[in-house]
């Protein structure tokens, strides 16, 4: 299951762990062949993504100062904890490796929301 989720992410998808579990139930833990993987990929592509504003609004709950920045530590806790997505430290670092932060380790809410929505960082003209 972890390898399937990782393969989907390499292909530009961003499935939640619960979505991967749900999609994999019908295969009952057996390794997938190519056609089955294509079915999972199509199903993943059909899952509606939350609206851009909805993601940014959800993340802004953690912006305690209201200045548009959240701490890398808060994001890490949300994503790597057992109640979150349960990413490993390495997966977390890979996810955030290209997000510029400030000198205090803070990350712009808009950058992180864009990464979650689009699978990449915005260009300067997108900001």
C-alpha atoms as a PDB file:
ATOM      1  CA  UNK A   1       0.000   0.000   0.000  1.00  0.00           C
ATOM      2  CA  UNK A   2       2.808   2.419   0.836  1.00  0.00           C
ATOM      3  CA  UNK A   3       4.505   1.731  -2.494  1.00  0.00           C
ATOM      4  CA  UNK A   4       1.250   2.327  -4.362  1.00  0.00           C
ATOM      5  CA  UNK A   5       0.749   5.671  -2.583  1.00  0.00           C
ATOM      6  CA  UNK A   6       4.335   6.624  -3.350  1.00  0.00           C
ATOM      7  CA  UNK A   7       3.930   5.679  -7.038  1.00  0.00           C
ATOM      8  CA  UNK A   8       0.730   7.752  -7.242  1.00  0.00           C
ATOM      9  CA  UNK A   9       2.543  10.732  -5.746  1.00  0.00           C
ATOM     10  CA  UNK A  10       5.377  10.368  -8.259  1.00  0.00           C
ATOM     11  CA  UNK A  11       2.730  10.564 -10.978  1.00  0.00           C
ATOM     12  CA  UNK A  12       1.442  13.872  -9.652  1.00  0.00           C
ATOM     13  CA  UNK A  13      -1.438  12.641  -7.507  1.00  0.00           C
ATOM     14  CA  UNK A  14      -1.817  13.516  -3.851  1.00  0.00           C
ATOM     15  CA  UNK A  15      -4.006  10.841  -2.279  1.00  0.00           C
ATOM     16  CA  UNK A  16      -4.682  10.761   1.443  1.00  0.00           C
ATOM     17  CA  UNK A  17      -3.755   7.571   3.280  1.00  0.00           C
ATOM     18  CA  UNK A  18      -7.450   6.851   3.865  1.00  0.00           C
ATOM     19  CA  UNK A  19      -8.145   7.208   0.133  1.00  0.00           C
ATOM     20  CA  UNK A  20      -5.359   4.756  -0.692  1.00  0.00           C
ATOM     21  CA  UNK A  21      -6.684   2.286   1.893  1.00  0.00           C
ATOM     22  CA  UNK A  22     -10.168   2.570   0.440  1.00  0.00           C
ATOM     23  CA  UNK A  23      -8.967   2.067  -3.147  1.00  0.00           C
ATOM     24  CA  UNK A  24      -6.816  -0.921  -2.176  1.00  0.00           C
ATOM     25  CA  UNK A  25      -9.552  -2.802  -0.280  1.00  0.00           C
ATOM     26  CA  UNK A  26     -10.852  -4.492  -3.409  1.00  0.00           C
ATOM     27  CA  UNK A  27      -7.408  -6.011  -4.076  1.00  0.00           C
ATOM     28  CA  UNK A  28      -7.203  -7.549  -0.577  1.00  0.00           C
ATOM     29  CA  UNK A  29      -3.479  -6.984  -0.054  1.00  0.00           C
ATOM     30  CA  UNK A  30      -2.390  -8.696  -3.268  1.00  0.00           C
ATOM     31  CA  UNK A  31       0.265  -7.068  -5.454  1.00  0.00           C
ATOM     32  CA  UNK A  32      -1.256  -5.076  -8.291  1.00  0.00           C
ATOM     33  CA  UNK A  33      -0.632  -5.773 -11.934  1.00  0.00           C
ATOM     34  CA  UNK A  34      -0.278  -2.919 -14.417  1.00  0.00           C
ATOM     35  CA  UNK A  35      -3.964  -2.816 -15.387  1.00  0.00           C
ATOM     36  CA  UNK A  36      -5.069  -2.766 -11.754  1.00  0.00           C
ATOM     37  CA  UNK A  37      -2.626   0.049 -11.030  1.00  0.00           C
ATOM     38  CA  UNK A  38      -4.090   2.005 -13.957  1.00  0.00           C
ATOM     39  CA  UNK A  39      -7.558   1.535 -12.423  1.00  0.00           C
ATOM     40  CA  UNK A  40      -6.297   2.862  -9.083  1.00  0.00           C
ATOM     41  CA  UNK A  41      -4.647   5.804 -10.842  1.00  0.00           C
ATOM     42  CA  UNK A  42      -7.868   6.670 -12.692  1.00  0.00           C
ATOM     43  CA  UNK A  43      -9.851   6.421  -9.481  1.00  0.00           C
ATOM     44  CA  UNK A  44      -7.342   8.679  -7.780  1.00  0.00           C
ATOM     45  CA  UNK A  45      -7.585  11.193 -10.631  1.00  0.00           C
ATOM     46  CA  UNK A  46     -11.381  11.210 -10.273  1.00  0.00           C
ATOM     47  CA  UNK A  47     -11.303  12.089  -6.589  1.00  0.00           C
ATOM     48  CA  UNK A  48     -12.245  15.728  -6.382  1.00  0.00           C
ATOM     49  CA  UNK A  49      -9.630  18.006  -4.950  1.00  0.00           C
ATOM     50  CA  UNK A  50     -10.660  20.586  -2.378  1.00  0.00           C
ATOM     51  CA  UNK A  51     -11.028  24.131  -3.585  1.00  0.00           C
ATOM     52  CA  UNK A  52      -7.877  26.220  -3.366  1.00  0.00           C
ATOM     53  CA  UNK A  53      -9.500  28.657  -0.969  1.00  0.00           C
ATOM     54  CA  UNK A  54     -10.704  25.825   1.249  1.00  0.00           C
ATOM     55  CA  UNK A  55      -7.182  24.450   1.721  1.00  0.00           C
ATOM     56  CA  UNK A  56      -5.718  27.892   2.406  1.00  0.00           C
ATOM     57  CA  UNK A  57      -8.537  28.622   4.846  1.00  0.00           C
ATOM     58  CA  UNK A  58      -7.942  25.347   6.675  1.00  0.00           C
ATOM     59  CA  UNK A  59      -4.217  26.031   6.940  1.00  0.00           C
ATOM     60  CA  UNK A  60      -4.784  29.597   8.099  1.00  0.00           C
ATOM     61  CA  UNK A  61      -6.259  28.191  11.320  1.00  0.00           C
ATOM     62  CA  UNK A  62      -2.646  27.514  12.302  1.00  0.00           C
ATOM     63  CA  UNK A  63      -1.551  31.055  11.426  1.00  0.00           C
ATOM     64  CA  UNK A  64      -1.719  32.365  14.975  1.00  0.00           C
ATOM     65  CA  UNK A  65      -0.484  35.864  14.113  1.00  0.00           C
ATOM     66  CA  UNK A  66      -2.687  36.245  11.044  1.00  0.00           C
ATOM     67  CA  UNK A  67       0.317  37.239   8.942  1.00  0.00           C
ATOM     68  CA  UNK A  68       0.089  34.427   6.387  1.00  0.00           C
ATOM     69  CA  UNK A  69       2.889  32.250   7.802  1.00  0.00           C
ATOM     70  CA  UNK A  70       2.842  28.965   9.726  1.00  0.00           C
ATOM     71  CA  UNK A  71       5.735  27.187  11.352  1.00  0.00           C
ATOM     72  CA  UNK A  72       7.424  24.250   9.674  1.00  0.00           C
ATOM     73  CA  UNK A  73       7.147  22.437  13.014  1.00  0.00           C
ATOM     74  CA  UNK A  74       3.351  22.773  13.046  1.00  0.00           C
ATOM     75  CA  UNK A  75       3.100  21.455   9.499  1.00  0.00           C
ATOM     76  CA  UNK A  76       5.409  18.583  10.367  1.00  0.00           C
ATOM     77  CA  UNK A  77       3.319  17.693  13.406  1.00  0.00           C
ATOM     78  CA  UNK A  78       0.096  17.781  11.365  1.00  0.00           C
ATOM     79  CA  UNK A  79       1.439  15.670   8.537  1.00  0.00           C
ATOM     80  CA  UNK A  80       3.726  13.231  10.343  1.00  0.00           C
ATOM     81  CA  UNK A  81       1.582  12.461  13.391  1.00  0.00           C
ATOM     82  CA  UNK A  82      -0.529   9.341  13.643  1.00  0.00           C
ATOM     83  CA  UNK A  83      -3.668  11.470  13.514  1.00  0.00           C
ATOM     84  CA  UNK A  84      -2.460  13.181  10.337  1.00  0.00           C
ATOM     85  CA  UNK A  85      -1.221  11.599   7.121  1.00  0.00           C
ATOM     86  CA  UNK A  86       1.455   9.640   8.958  1.00  0.00           C
ATOM     87  CA  UNK A  87       4.268  10.616   6.584  1.00  0.00           C
ATOM     88  CA  UNK A  88       7.793   9.627   7.518  1.00  0.00           C
ATOM     89  CA  UNK A  89      10.405  12.278   8.271  1.00  0.00           C
ATOM     90  CA  UNK A  90      11.975  11.619   4.850  1.00  0.00           C
ATOM     91  CA  UNK A  91       8.640  11.952   3.023  1.00  0.00           C
ATOM     92  CA  UNK A  92       7.965  15.188   4.877  1.00  0.00           C
ATOM     93  CA  UNK A  93      11.367  16.611   3.943  1.00  0.00           C
ATOM     94  CA  UNK A  94      10.827  15.592   0.296  1.00  0.00           C
ATOM     95  CA  UNK A  95       7.430  17.298   0.304  1.00  0.00           C
ATOM     96  CA  UNK A  96       8.771  20.562   1.675  1.00  0.00           C
ATOM     97  CA  UNK A  97      12.249  20.581   0.144  1.00  0.00           C
ATOM     98  CA  UNK A  98      11.383  23.286  -2.389  1.00  0.00           C
ATOM     99  CA  UNK A  99       9.196  25.502  -0.226  1.00  0.00           C
ATOM    100  CA  UNK A 100      11.161  28.553   0.793  1.00  0.00           C
ATOM    101  CA  UNK A 101      10.777  29.516   4.395  1.00  0.00           C
ATOM    102  CA  UNK A 102      11.884  32.573   6.264  1.00  0.00           C
ATOM    103  CA  UNK A 103      14.803  32.752   8.699  1.00  0.00           C
ATOM    104  CA  UNK A 104      12.488  31.711  11.558  1.00  0.00           C
ATOM    105  CA  UNK A 105      11.422  28.462   9.903  1.00  0.00           C
ATOM    106  CA  UNK A 106       8.035  29.827   8.898  1.00  0.00           C
ATOM    107  CA  UNK A 107       6.338  28.860   5.622  1.00  0.00           C
ATOM    108  CA  UNK A 108       3.840  30.963   3.686  1.00  0.00           C
ATOM    109  CA  UNK A 109       0.330  29.529   3.909  1.00  0.00           C
ATOM    110  CA  UNK A 110      -0.234  30.370   0.220  1.00  0.00           C
ATOM    111  CA  UNK A 111       2.852  28.370  -0.877  1.00  0.00           C
ATOM    112  CA  UNK A 112       1.911  25.305   1.136  1.00  0.00           C
ATOM    113  CA  UNK A 113      -1.739  25.450   0.026  1.00  0.00           C
ATOM    114  CA  UNK A 114      -0.618  25.689  -3.605  1.00  0.00           C
ATOM    115  CA  UNK A 115       1.663  22.681  -3.146  1.00  0.00           C
ATOM    116  CA  UNK A 116      -1.211  20.647  -1.725  1.00  0.00           C
ATOM    117  CA  UNK A 117      -3.618  21.727  -4.467  1.00  0.00           C
ATOM    118  CA  UNK A 118      -1.386  21.565  -7.499  1.00  0.00           C
ATOM    119  CA  UNK A 119       1.447  19.230  -6.556  1.00  0.00           C
ATOM    120  CA  UNK A 120       4.024  21.986  -7.057  1.00  0.00           C
ATOM    121  CA  UNK A 121       4.997  25.486  -6.108  1.00  0.00           C
ATOM    122  CA  UNK A 122       3.486  28.538  -7.759  1.00  0.00           C
ATOM    123  CA  UNK A 123       5.537  30.625 -10.124  1.00  0.00           C
ATOM    124  CA  UNK A 124       6.060  34.241  -9.250  1.00  0.00           C
ATOM    125  CA  UNK A 125       3.175  35.241 -11.523  1.00  0.00           C
ATOM    126  CA  UNK A 126       0.795  32.836  -9.680  1.00  0.00           C
ATOM    127  CA  UNK A 127       1.270  34.624  -6.353  1.00  0.00           C
END
